[in-house]
Amino acid sequence: MKWNDLEQERCSVARTVSVIGDRWTLLVLRDCFLGVRRFEEFQQRLKISRPMLADRLAKLVEVGALKKLAYQESPVRYEYRLTSKGMDLYPIIMAIVHWGDVHMAGKAGRPLLHRHTGCGHLFDPVVVCSECAAGIHAKDVVVEKGPGA
């Protein structure tokens, strides 16, 4: 399996990795969910080279996860906003955050806490069955071939 061919694989993980499978793209997405929208702010926060950042933003725009909107006319400057397709990446980012909080935070503890505006409580993300709402764990799942197999 070649890196450049991942989007052609009949595997949803491989196809997703073809879009978000490098550290800079994941960090750009993290910042998008934290409200960052402008190129200079991404660059300042991430300390990433301009060409690398431009490449990652262009890829996310190309796949439809971000949209590029002009916010200034002279000179033209753009901001990047999550689309509904991009917003659907939130559970992935939250799963990575949770794993990092549990396994990588160290003695200092979690760097950020997440509060649900609906109920006001701090929370941990969980994966639940879309049908019965029971918690999902790897040992509780059997994989079957789907129509795209």
Protein backbone atom coordinates (compact mmCIF):
# COMPACT_ATOMS: atom_id res chain seq x y z
CA MET A 1 0.00 0.00 0.00
CA LYS A 2 1.56 3.30 -1.09
CA TRP A 3 0.97 6.54 0.82
CA ASN A 4 -0.26 8.39 -2.29
CA ASP A 5 -2.74 5.63 -3.08
CA LEU A 6 -4.51 5.50 0.30
CA GLU A 7 -7.55 7.42 -0.93
CA GLN A 8 -8.19 4.63 -3.46
CA GLU A 9 -8.21 1.82 -0.87
CA ARG A 10 -11.43 0.01 0.02
CA CYS A 11 -10.80 0.80 3.67
CA SER A 12 -12.40 3.76 5.44
CA VAL A 13 -9.41 4.12 7.78
CA ALA A 14 -6.98 4.32 4.85
CA ARG A 15 -9.16 6.85 3.03
CA THR A 16 -9.45 9.01 6.14
CA VAL A 17 -5.72 8.79 6.82
CA SER A 18 -5.14 10.04 3.26
CA VAL A 19 -6.77 13.31 4.38
CA ILE A 20 -5.85 13.77 8.05
CA GLY A 21 -2.99 11.32 8.52
CA ASP A 22 -0.14 13.68 9.28
CA ARG A 23 0.62 15.64 12.43
CA TRP A 24 0.33 19.09 10.88
CA THR A 25 -3.13 18.45 9.46
CA LEU A 26 -4.36 17.16 12.82
CA LEU A 27 -2.94 20.23 14.57
CA VAL A 28 -4.52 22.55 11.99
CA LEU A 29 -7.85 20.83 12.63
CA ARG A 30 -7.37 21.11 16.40
CA ASP A 31 -6.84 24.84 15.99
CA CYS A 32 -9.88 25.14 13.72
CA PHE A 33 -12.01 23.63 16.48
CA LEU A 34 -10.44 26.11 18.92
CA GLY A 35 -11.61 28.99 16.71
CA VAL A 36 -8.48 29.76 14.68
CA ARG A 37 -9.34 30.92 11.15
CA ARG A 38 -6.54 33.03 9.73
CA PHE A 39 -3.30 31.89 8.11
CA GLU A 40 -1.05 34.08 10.28
CA GLU A 41 -2.69 32.84 13.46
CA PHE A 42 -2.23 29.20 12.44
CA GLN A 43 1.40 29.90 11.64
CA GLN A 44 2.00 31.75 14.90
CA ARG A 45 0.41 28.99 17.00
CA LEU A 46 1.94 26.03 15.16
CA LYS A 47 5.39 27.45 14.27
CA ILE A 48 5.02 25.73 10.90
CA SER A 49 6.60 26.90 7.64
CA ARG A 50 4.37 28.95 5.35
CA PRO A 51 4.59 26.44 2.46
CA MET A 52 3.77 23.49 4.73
CA LEU A 53 0.80 25.33 6.26
CA ALA A 54 -0.44 26.47 2.85
CA ASP A 55 -0.25 22.86 1.63
CA ARG A 56 -2.22 21.49 4.60
CA LEU A 57 -4.90 24.18 4.36
CA ALA A 58 -5.21 23.68 0.59
CA LYS A 59 -5.66 19.92 1.07
CA LEU A 60 -8.42 20.47 3.64
CA VAL A 61 -10.12 22.94 1.28
CA GLU A 62 -9.72 20.51 -1.65
CA VAL A 63 -11.45 17.67 0.22
CA GLY A 64 -14.20 19.99 1.44
CA ALA A 65 -13.36 19.98 5.17
CA LEU A 66 -12.60 23.71 5.13
CA LYS A 67 -13.85 26.58 3.01
CA LYS A 68 -11.70 29.58 2.16
CA LEU A 69 -13.46 32.94 2.52
CA ALA A 70 -12.13 36.43 1.83
CA TYR A 71 -12.36 38.66 4.89
CA GLN A 72 -10.41 41.62 3.44
CA GLU A 73 -10.33 43.18 -0.04
CA SER A 74 -7.08 45.22 -0.33
CA PRO A 75 -4.98 43.16 -0.18
CA VAL A 76 -7.20 40.10 -0.39
CA ARG A 77 -6.85 38.00 2.74
CA TYR A 78 -8.64 34.79 3.55
CA GLU A 79 -9.84 32.85 6.53
CA TYR A 80 -10.57 29.15 6.77
CA ARG A 81 -13.82 27.87 8.22
CA LEU A 82 -14.93 24.34 8.94
CA THR A 83 -17.63 23.00 6.64
CA SER A 84 -20.17 20.43 7.78
CA LYS A 85 -17.76 17.79 6.45
CA GLY A 86 -15.02 19.34 8.57
CA MET A 87 -17.27 19.50 11.63
CA ASP A 88 -17.80 15.75 11.26
CA LEU A 89 -14.11 15.35 12.16
CA TYR A 90 -14.81 16.62 15.69
CA PRO A 91 -15.33 13.16 17.22
CA ILE A 92 -11.97 12.06 15.81
CA ILE A 93 -10.20 15.07 17.32
CA MET A 94 -11.99 14.53 20.64
CA ALA A 95 -10.98 10.85 20.68
CA ILE A 96 -7.35 11.87 20.16
CA VAL A 97 -7.67 14.52 22.88
CA HIS A 98 -9.12 11.99 25.30
CA TRP A 99 -6.39 9.44 24.61
CA GLY A 100 -3.77 12.14 25.16
CA ASP A 101 -5.46 13.27 28.39
CA VAL A 102 -5.50 9.72 29.74
CA HIS A 103 -2.12 8.48 28.52
CA MET A 104 0.09 11.50 27.84
CA ALA A 105 -0.91 14.35 30.18
CA GLY A 106 1.51 13.44 32.96
CA LYS A 107 1.38 14.65 36.55
CA ALA A 108 0.33 18.18 35.61
CA GLY A 109 -2.98 16.84 34.31
CA ARG A 110 -5.09 17.75 31.32
CA PRO A 111 -4.12 20.96 29.55
CA LEU A 112 -7.74 21.73 28.59
CA LEU A 113 -11.09 20.71 30.03
CA HIS A 114 -14.25 20.35 27.96
CA ARG A 115 -17.62 21.55 29.27
CA HIS A 116 -20.89 20.59 27.59
CA THR A 117 -22.96 23.76 27.16
CA GLY A 118 -26.19 21.72 27.19
CA CYS A 119 -25.85 20.44 30.75
CA GLY A 120 -22.95 22.50 32.08
CA HIS A 121 -20.82 19.50 33.09
CA LEU A 122 -17.20 18.74 32.30
CA PHE A 123 -17.12 15.59 30.19
CA ASP A 124 -15.03 12.90 28.58
CA PRO A 125 -15.97 11.84 25.04
CA VAL A 126 -17.42 8.36 24.77
CA VAL A 127 -18.38 6.15 21.83
CA VAL A 128 -21.89 4.77 21.98
CA CYS A 129 -24.03 2.59 19.76
CA SER A 130 -26.22 4.72 17.48
CA GLU A 131 -29.10 2.27 18.02
CA CYS A 132 -29.17 1.52 21.77
CA ALA A 133 -26.79 4.17 23.22
CA ALA A 134 -24.72 1.54 25.06
CA GLY A 135 -21.01 2.22 25.36
CA ILE A 136 -18.89 0.68 22.60
CA HIS A 137 -15.61 -1.10 23.29
CA ALA A 138 -13.40 -3.00 20.83
CA LYS A 139 -14.33 -6.40 22.30
CA ASP A 140 -18.04 -5.63 21.81
CA VAL A 141 -17.87 -5.23 18.04
CA VAL A 142 -17.92 -7.76 15.22
CA VAL A 143 -16.95 -6.50 11.76
CA GLU A 144 -18.92 -7.61 8.71
CA LYS A 145 -18.43 -6.89 5.03
CA GLY A 146 -20.36 -3.90 3.76
CA PRO A 147 -21.62 -2.97 0.29
CA GLY A 148 -18.34 -1.24 -0.59
CA ALA A 149 -16.14 -4.24 0.23
